[in-house]
Structure formats: structure tokens, C-alpha cells
Amino acid sequence: MSSQITESKICITQGDTLPIILNFHQDITDAVVAMQVRDENGALLIDKKVTEHTDALLGKTMLTLTSADTSIPVGTYQTDMEITFNDGTRYTFYPPHIGKSACFCIAKQITQEEKI
């Protein structure tokens, strides 16, 4: 895979799939994990929500960006991820530092299906 996730940036090739494995180390039963990607004008480009978890009692889940999700124009955007628990408590966990922002970079795809 040609994707990379750091503390402040997610980079992926346009049209690729990216499974993001998340471990919260606490019970996340009925919690919603959400990720959004927006352009510089605030327009929503990607909106993902996870409600079914790999192992909710152990805090394990996966957020998967599909090929359809990442087939947006090449560029650098803003992103974050948050978790909302069933009591309404909400925490932004990515980027992991308060006051910092995270970039979501889409790199140019070279290999593409030819349209005939």
C-alpha cells in the first residue's frame, strides 16, 4: 500500500483503499467513530461513520476509506476524527494534539482503468 498516516497527516493515492485500525483501550459499545475531510472552503468531501466495531468491549474498531471515498481531486485538505459515546460525550482523537490540525493529502493516481 502506498498510504501513510502520521500525527498530523494522512496521505493516500487517489482511488486507493485505506483501512485505519483504531484501538481505544476502553469499551466503545454503541460509540460512533467519525471522520470528515473538508476543502479550504469547508465543503465536505469525505464523511465516514463507524457504528459496528471489531471488538467493542476491548475498544477495537476499523474505519475504512474506500476507493470511492478517495476518488476526490488531487490536493491537500483538512481532516479530523472523533468518537462519540452513547452518553453524548465526544472526543476528537486525531490529530492527537489540541490546537493542531491534520492534513489529508490525495496524491495523483497513475494507473487508471481506460474508458473506451
N, C-alpha and C. Protein backbone atom coordinates (compact mmCIF):
# COMPACT_ATOMS: atom_id res chain seq x y z
N MET A 1 0.84 -1.19 0.00
CA MET A 1 0.00 0.00 0.00
C MET A 1 0.88 1.25 0.00
N SER A 2 0.37 2.26 -0.63
CA SER A 2 1.15 3.49 -0.74
C SER A 2 0.52 4.62 0.06
N SER A 3 0.07 4.32 1.25
CA SER A 3 -0.51 5.35 2.10
C SER A 3 0.35 5.53 3.34
N GLN A 4 0.19 6.67 4.00
CA GLN A 4 0.97 6.97 5.19
C GLN A 4 0.11 7.78 6.16
N ILE A 5 0.19 7.40 7.43
CA ILE A 5 -0.51 8.15 8.47
C ILE A 5 0.52 8.57 9.51
N THR A 6 0.59 9.87 9.79
CA THR A 6 1.45 10.40 10.84
C THR A 6 0.57 11.13 11.84
N GLU A 7 1.17 11.81 12.82
CA GLU A 7 0.40 12.55 13.83
C GLU A 7 -0.33 13.75 13.25
N SER A 8 0.07 14.20 12.06
CA SER A 8 -0.57 15.39 11.52
C SER A 8 -0.94 15.28 10.04
N LYS A 9 -0.79 14.08 9.46
CA LYS A 9 -1.07 13.96 8.04
C LYS A 9 -1.45 12.54 7.66
N ILE A 10 -2.44 12.44 6.78
CA ILE A 10 -2.80 11.18 6.13
C ILE A 10 -2.59 11.39 4.64
N CYS A 11 -1.77 10.55 4.02
CA CYS A 11 -1.52 10.64 2.59
C CYS A 11 -1.92 9.33 1.93
N ILE A 12 -2.61 9.43 0.81
CA ILE A 12 -3.07 8.26 0.09
C ILE A 12 -3.14 8.59 -1.40
N THR A 13 -2.91 7.59 -2.23
CA THR A 13 -3.04 7.76 -3.66
C THR A 13 -4.52 7.78 -4.03
N GLN A 14 -4.87 8.69 -4.92
CA GLN A 14 -6.24 8.85 -5.38
C GLN A 14 -6.82 7.50 -5.82
N GLY A 15 -7.99 7.16 -5.29
CA GLY A 15 -8.68 5.93 -5.67
C GLY A 15 -8.27 4.70 -4.89
N ASP A 16 -7.31 4.81 -3.97
CA ASP A 16 -6.89 3.66 -3.17
C ASP A 16 -7.81 3.45 -1.97
N THR A 17 -7.74 2.26 -1.40
CA THR A 17 -8.48 1.89 -0.19
C THR A 17 -7.53 1.98 0.99
N LEU A 18 -8.02 2.47 2.12
CA LEU A 18 -7.18 2.60 3.32
C LEU A 18 -7.95 2.16 4.55
N PRO A 19 -7.61 0.96 5.11
CA PRO A 19 -8.19 0.57 6.39
C PRO A 19 -7.39 1.22 7.53
N ILE A 20 -8.08 1.92 8.42
CA ILE A 20 -7.42 2.57 9.56
C ILE A 20 -7.84 1.80 10.81
N ILE A 21 -6.90 1.08 11.41
CA ILE A 21 -7.17 0.29 12.61
C ILE A 21 -7.04 1.20 13.82
N LEU A 22 -8.06 1.20 14.68
CA LEU A 22 -8.11 2.07 15.85
C LEU A 22 -8.27 1.25 17.11
N ASN A 23 -7.50 1.59 18.15
CA ASN A 23 -7.59 0.94 19.46
C ASN A 23 -7.80 2.00 20.53
N PHE A 24 -8.92 1.94 21.22
CA PHE A 24 -9.25 2.92 22.24
C PHE A 24 -8.95 2.44 23.66
N HIS A 25 -8.69 1.17 23.85
CA HIS A 25 -8.35 0.60 25.16
C HIS A 25 -9.43 0.86 26.21
N GLN A 26 -10.68 0.91 25.76
CA GLN A 26 -11.83 1.01 26.65
C GLN A 26 -13.05 0.54 25.87
N ASP A 27 -14.10 0.27 26.56
CA ASP A 27 -15.34 -0.20 25.93
C ASP A 27 -15.92 0.89 25.03
N ILE A 28 -16.15 0.56 23.77
CA ILE A 28 -16.75 1.52 22.84
C ILE A 28 -18.10 1.02 22.31
N THR A 29 -18.74 0.16 23.08
CA THR A 29 -20.06 -0.33 22.71
C THR A 29 -21.00 0.86 22.48
N ASP A 30 -21.70 0.87 21.36
CA ASP A 30 -22.65 1.92 20.97
C ASP A 30 -22.00 3.26 20.65
N ALA A 31 -20.67 3.32 20.63
CA ALA A 31 -19.99 4.57 20.27
C ALA A 31 -19.96 4.72 18.75
N VAL A 32 -19.86 5.97 18.30
CA VAL A 32 -19.76 6.27 16.88
C VAL A 32 -18.41 6.93 16.63
N VAL A 33 -17.63 6.35 15.72
CA VAL A 33 -16.36 6.92 15.31
C VAL A 33 -16.61 7.63 13.98
N ALA A 34 -16.20 8.88 13.88
CA ALA A 34 -16.46 9.66 12.67
C ALA A 34 -15.19 10.33 12.16
N MET A 35 -15.12 10.44 10.83
CA MET A 35 -14.01 11.14 10.17
C MET A 35 -14.61 12.00 9.07
N GLN A 36 -14.12 13.21 8.95
CA GLN A 36 -14.51 14.07 7.86
C GLN A 36 -13.27 14.66 7.20
N VAL A 37 -13.38 14.91 5.91
CA VAL A 37 -12.35 15.60 5.14
C VAL A 37 -13.05 16.76 4.45
N ARG A 38 -12.47 17.96 4.59
CA ARG A 38 -13.07 19.16 4.01
C ARG A 38 -12.02 19.96 3.23
N ASP A 39 -12.49 20.67 2.21
CA ASP A 39 -11.58 21.53 1.46
C ASP A 39 -11.41 22.87 2.18
N GLU A 40 -10.62 23.78 1.58
CA GLU A 40 -10.31 25.05 2.24
C GLU A 40 -11.54 25.94 2.43
N ASN A 41 -12.61 25.67 1.69
CA ASN A 41 -13.85 26.43 1.84
C ASN A 41 -14.83 25.77 2.81
N GLY A 42 -14.43 24.64 3.38
CA GLY A 42 -15.28 23.93 4.32
C GLY A 42 -16.23 22.94 3.68
N ALA A 43 -16.14 22.76 2.36
CA ALA A 43 -17.01 21.80 1.68
C ALA A 43 -16.63 20.38 2.09
N LEU A 44 -17.63 19.58 2.41
CA LEU A 44 -17.44 18.20 2.86
C LEU A 44 -17.11 17.30 1.68
N LEU A 45 -15.95 16.63 1.73
CA LEU A 45 -15.52 15.73 0.66
C LEU A 45 -15.64 14.27 1.05
N ILE A 46 -15.35 13.96 2.31
CA ILE A 46 -15.47 12.59 2.83
C ILE A 46 -16.15 12.67 4.18
N ASP A 47 -17.13 11.80 4.39
CA ASP A 47 -17.86 11.74 5.65
C ASP A 47 -18.06 10.27 6.01
N LYS A 48 -17.28 9.75 6.95
CA LYS A 48 -17.34 8.34 7.33
C LYS A 48 -17.78 8.21 8.78
N LYS A 49 -18.62 7.20 9.02
CA LYS A 49 -19.04 6.89 10.39
C LYS A 49 -18.95 5.39 10.59
N VAL A 50 -18.44 4.98 11.75
CA VAL A 50 -18.36 3.57 12.10
C VAL A 50 -19.19 3.35 13.36
N THR A 51 -20.16 2.42 13.26
CA THR A 51 -21.01 2.10 14.41
C THR A 51 -20.89 0.63 14.81
N GLU A 52 -20.36 -0.20 13.90
CA GLU A 52 -20.12 -1.60 14.21
C GLU A 52 -18.62 -1.80 14.35
N HIS A 53 -18.21 -2.28 15.51
CA HIS A 53 -16.79 -2.34 15.85
C HIS A 53 -16.26 -3.77 15.84
N THR A 54 -14.97 -3.89 15.60
CA THR A 54 -14.30 -5.19 15.55
C THR A 54 -14.44 -5.93 16.87
N ASP A 55 -14.15 -5.25 17.98
CA ASP A 55 -14.32 -5.79 19.32
C ASP A 55 -14.59 -4.62 20.26
N ALA A 56 -15.86 -4.25 20.36
CA ALA A 56 -16.26 -3.05 21.12
C ALA A 56 -15.82 -3.10 22.57
N LEU A 57 -15.94 -4.26 23.23
CA LEU A 57 -15.57 -4.34 24.65
C LEU A 57 -14.10 -4.04 24.87
N LEU A 58 -13.24 -4.40 23.92
CA LEU A 58 -11.80 -4.13 24.03
C LEU A 58 -11.41 -2.83 23.34
N GLY A 59 -12.37 -2.11 22.78
CA GLY A 59 -12.10 -0.82 22.16
C GLY A 59 -11.47 -0.88 20.79
N LYS A 60 -11.68 -1.97 20.07
CA LYS A 60 -11.06 -2.13 18.75
C LYS A 60 -12.09 -1.89 17.65
N THR A 61 -11.68 -1.10 16.66
CA THR A 61 -12.55 -0.84 15.52
C THR A 61 -11.71 -0.53 14.29
N MET A 62 -12.36 -0.43 13.14
CA MET A 62 -11.67 -0.09 11.92
C MET A 62 -12.52 0.86 11.09
N LEU A 63 -11.90 1.92 10.65
CA LEU A 63 -12.54 2.87 9.76
C LEU A 63 -11.88 2.67 8.40
N THR A 64 -12.66 2.32 7.39
CA THR A 64 -12.09 2.02 6.08
C THR A 64 -12.51 3.08 5.07
N LEU A 65 -11.51 3.70 4.46
CA LEU A 65 -11.76 4.60 3.35
C LEU A 65 -11.73 3.76 2.08
N THR A 66 -12.81 3.80 1.32
CA THR A 66 -12.91 3.00 0.11
C THR A 66 -12.34 3.77 -1.08
N SER A 67 -12.23 3.06 -2.18
CA SER A 67 -11.79 3.69 -3.43
C SER A 67 -12.71 4.85 -3.81
N ALA A 68 -14.00 4.65 -3.61
CA ALA A 68 -14.97 5.73 -3.90
C ALA A 68 -14.71 6.95 -3.02
N ASP A 69 -14.37 6.71 -1.75
CA ASP A 69 -14.09 7.82 -0.83
C ASP A 69 -12.89 8.64 -1.27
N THR A 70 -11.84 7.96 -1.73
CA THR A 70 -10.58 8.64 -2.05
C THR A 70 -10.47 9.06 -3.51
N SER A 71 -11.55 8.91 -4.26
CA SER A 71 -11.56 9.36 -5.66
C SER A 71 -11.99 10.82 -5.75
N ILE A 72 -11.35 11.64 -4.95
CA ILE A 72 -11.59 13.08 -4.95
C ILE A 72 -10.40 13.75 -5.64
N PRO A 73 -10.52 15.01 -6.02
CA PRO A 73 -9.41 15.66 -6.72
C PRO A 73 -8.10 15.64 -5.91
N VAL A 74 -6.99 15.54 -6.65
CA VAL A 74 -5.67 15.60 -6.04
C VAL A 74 -5.55 16.92 -5.28
N GLY A 75 -5.01 16.86 -4.07
CA GLY A 75 -4.86 18.08 -3.29
C GLY A 75 -4.63 17.79 -1.82
N THR A 76 -4.54 18.85 -1.04
CA THR A 76 -4.35 18.75 0.40
C THR A 76 -5.55 19.38 1.09
N TYR A 77 -6.15 18.63 1.99
CA TYR A 77 -7.38 19.04 2.65
C TYR A 77 -7.21 18.98 4.17
N GLN A 78 -8.26 19.32 4.91
CA GLN A 78 -8.26 19.25 6.37
C GLN A 78 -9.05 18.03 6.82
N THR A 79 -8.61 17.40 7.92
CA THR A 79 -9.32 16.24 8.44
C THR A 79 -9.22 16.18 9.95
N ASP A 80 -10.14 15.45 10.55
CA ASP A 80 -10.03 15.03 11.94
C ASP A 80 -10.90 13.81 12.14
N MET A 81 -10.73 13.17 13.29
CA MET A 81 -11.55 12.02 13.67
C MET A 81 -11.99 12.21 15.11
N GLU A 82 -13.20 11.77 15.40
CA GLU A 82 -13.72 11.88 16.76
C GLU A 82 -14.53 10.65 17.11
N ILE A 83 -14.70 10.46 18.40
CA ILE A 83 -15.54 9.38 18.90
C ILE A 83 -16.61 10.00 19.79
N THR A 84 -17.85 9.52 19.61
CA THR A 84 -18.97 9.96 20.44
C THR A 84 -19.53 8.74 21.15
N PHE A 85 -19.52 8.79 22.49
CA PHE A 85 -20.02 7.67 23.29
C PHE A 85 -21.53 7.78 23.44
N ASN A 86 -22.15 6.68 23.88
CA ASN A 86 -23.61 6.63 23.96
C ASN A 86 -24.20 7.64 24.95
N ASP A 87 -23.39 8.19 25.86
CA ASP A 87 -23.90 9.22 26.79
C ASP A 87 -23.76 10.63 26.22
N GLY A 88 -23.29 10.73 24.94
CA GLY A 88 -23.14 12.02 24.29
C GLY A 88 -21.76 12.64 24.41
N THR A 89 -20.90 12.05 25.23
CA THR A 89 -19.54 12.56 25.38
C THR A 89 -18.80 12.39 24.06
N ARG A 90 -18.12 13.45 23.64
CA ARG A 90 -17.42 13.44 22.35
C ARG A 90 -15.98 13.89 22.54
N TYR A 91 -15.07 13.17 21.88
CA TYR A 91 -13.64 13.50 21.93
C TYR A 91 -13.03 13.45 20.53
N THR A 92 -12.29 14.48 20.18
CA THR A 92 -11.50 14.44 18.96
C THR A 92 -10.19 13.76 19.31
N PHE A 93 -9.88 12.65 18.62
CA PHE A 93 -8.66 11.91 18.93
C PHE A 93 -7.61 12.00 17.83
N TYR A 94 -7.98 12.53 16.67
CA TYR A 94 -7.00 12.75 15.62
C TYR A 94 -7.28 14.08 14.98
N PRO A 95 -6.31 14.96 14.93
CA PRO A 95 -4.93 14.77 15.38
C PRO A 95 -4.85 14.69 16.90
N PRO A 96 -3.79 14.05 17.39
CA PRO A 96 -3.71 13.77 18.83
C PRO A 96 -3.32 14.96 19.71
N HIS A 97 -3.04 16.10 19.14
CA HIS A 97 -2.63 17.26 19.95
C HIS A 97 -3.64 18.39 19.82
N ILE A 98 -4.10 18.91 20.93
CA ILE A 98 -5.07 20.01 20.95
C ILE A 98 -4.47 21.23 20.26
N GLY A 99 -5.27 21.86 19.44
CA GLY A 99 -4.83 23.07 18.75
C GLY A 99 -4.09 22.81 17.46
N LYS A 100 -3.80 21.59 17.16
CA LYS A 100 -3.11 21.24 15.91
C LYS A 100 -4.15 20.80 14.89
N SER A 101 -3.82 20.97 13.64
CA SER A 101 -4.71 20.50 12.58
C SER A 101 -4.02 19.38 11.81
N ALA A 102 -4.81 18.61 11.11
CA ALA A 102 -4.27 17.50 10.34
C ALA A 102 -4.62 17.69 8.87
N CYS A 103 -3.69 17.29 8.01
CA CYS A 103 -3.87 17.37 6.57
C CYS A 103 -4.27 16.00 6.03
N PHE A 104 -5.04 16.01 4.97
CA PHE A 104 -5.40 14.81 4.25
C PHE A 104 -4.97 15.05 2.81
N CYS A 105 -3.95 14.30 2.38
CA CYS A 105 -3.36 14.52 1.06
C CYS A 105 -3.77 13.41 0.10
N ILE A 106 -4.25 13.83 -1.06
CA ILE A 106 -4.56 12.89 -2.13
C ILE A 106 -3.49 13.08 -3.21
N ALA A 107 -2.73 12.00 -3.47
CA ALA A 107 -1.69 12.03 -4.49
C ALA A 107 -2.24 11.53 -5.82
N LYS A 108 -1.65 11.97 -6.89
CA LYS A 108 -2.10 11.62 -8.24
C LYS A 108 -2.01 10.12 -8.49
N GLN A 109 -3.07 9.59 -9.05
CA GLN A 109 -3.12 8.18 -9.45
C GLN A 109 -2.61 8.07 -10.88
N ILE A 110 -1.67 7.16 -11.12
CA ILE A 110 -1.13 6.97 -12.45
C ILE A 110 -1.85 5.83 -13.18
N THR A 111 -1.97 4.69 -12.52
CA THR A 111 -2.63 3.53 -13.14
C THR A 111 -4.14 3.70 -13.00
N GLN A 112 -4.81 3.79 -14.13
CA GLN A 112 -6.25 4.00 -14.14
C GLN A 112 -6.89 3.08 -15.17
N GLU A 113 -8.15 2.79 -14.96
CA GLU A 113 -8.90 2.00 -15.94
C GLU A 113 -9.15 2.89 -17.15
N GLU A 114 -8.86 2.34 -18.31
CA GLU A 114 -9.09 3.07 -19.55
C GLU A 114 -10.57 3.04 -19.90
N LYS A 115 -11.11 4.15 -20.29
CA LYS A 115 -12.51 4.23 -20.72
C LYS A 115 -12.52 4.20 -22.24
N ILE A 116 -13.20 3.22 -22.76
CA ILE A 116 -13.23 3.04 -24.23
C ILE A 116 -14.57 3.46 -24.78
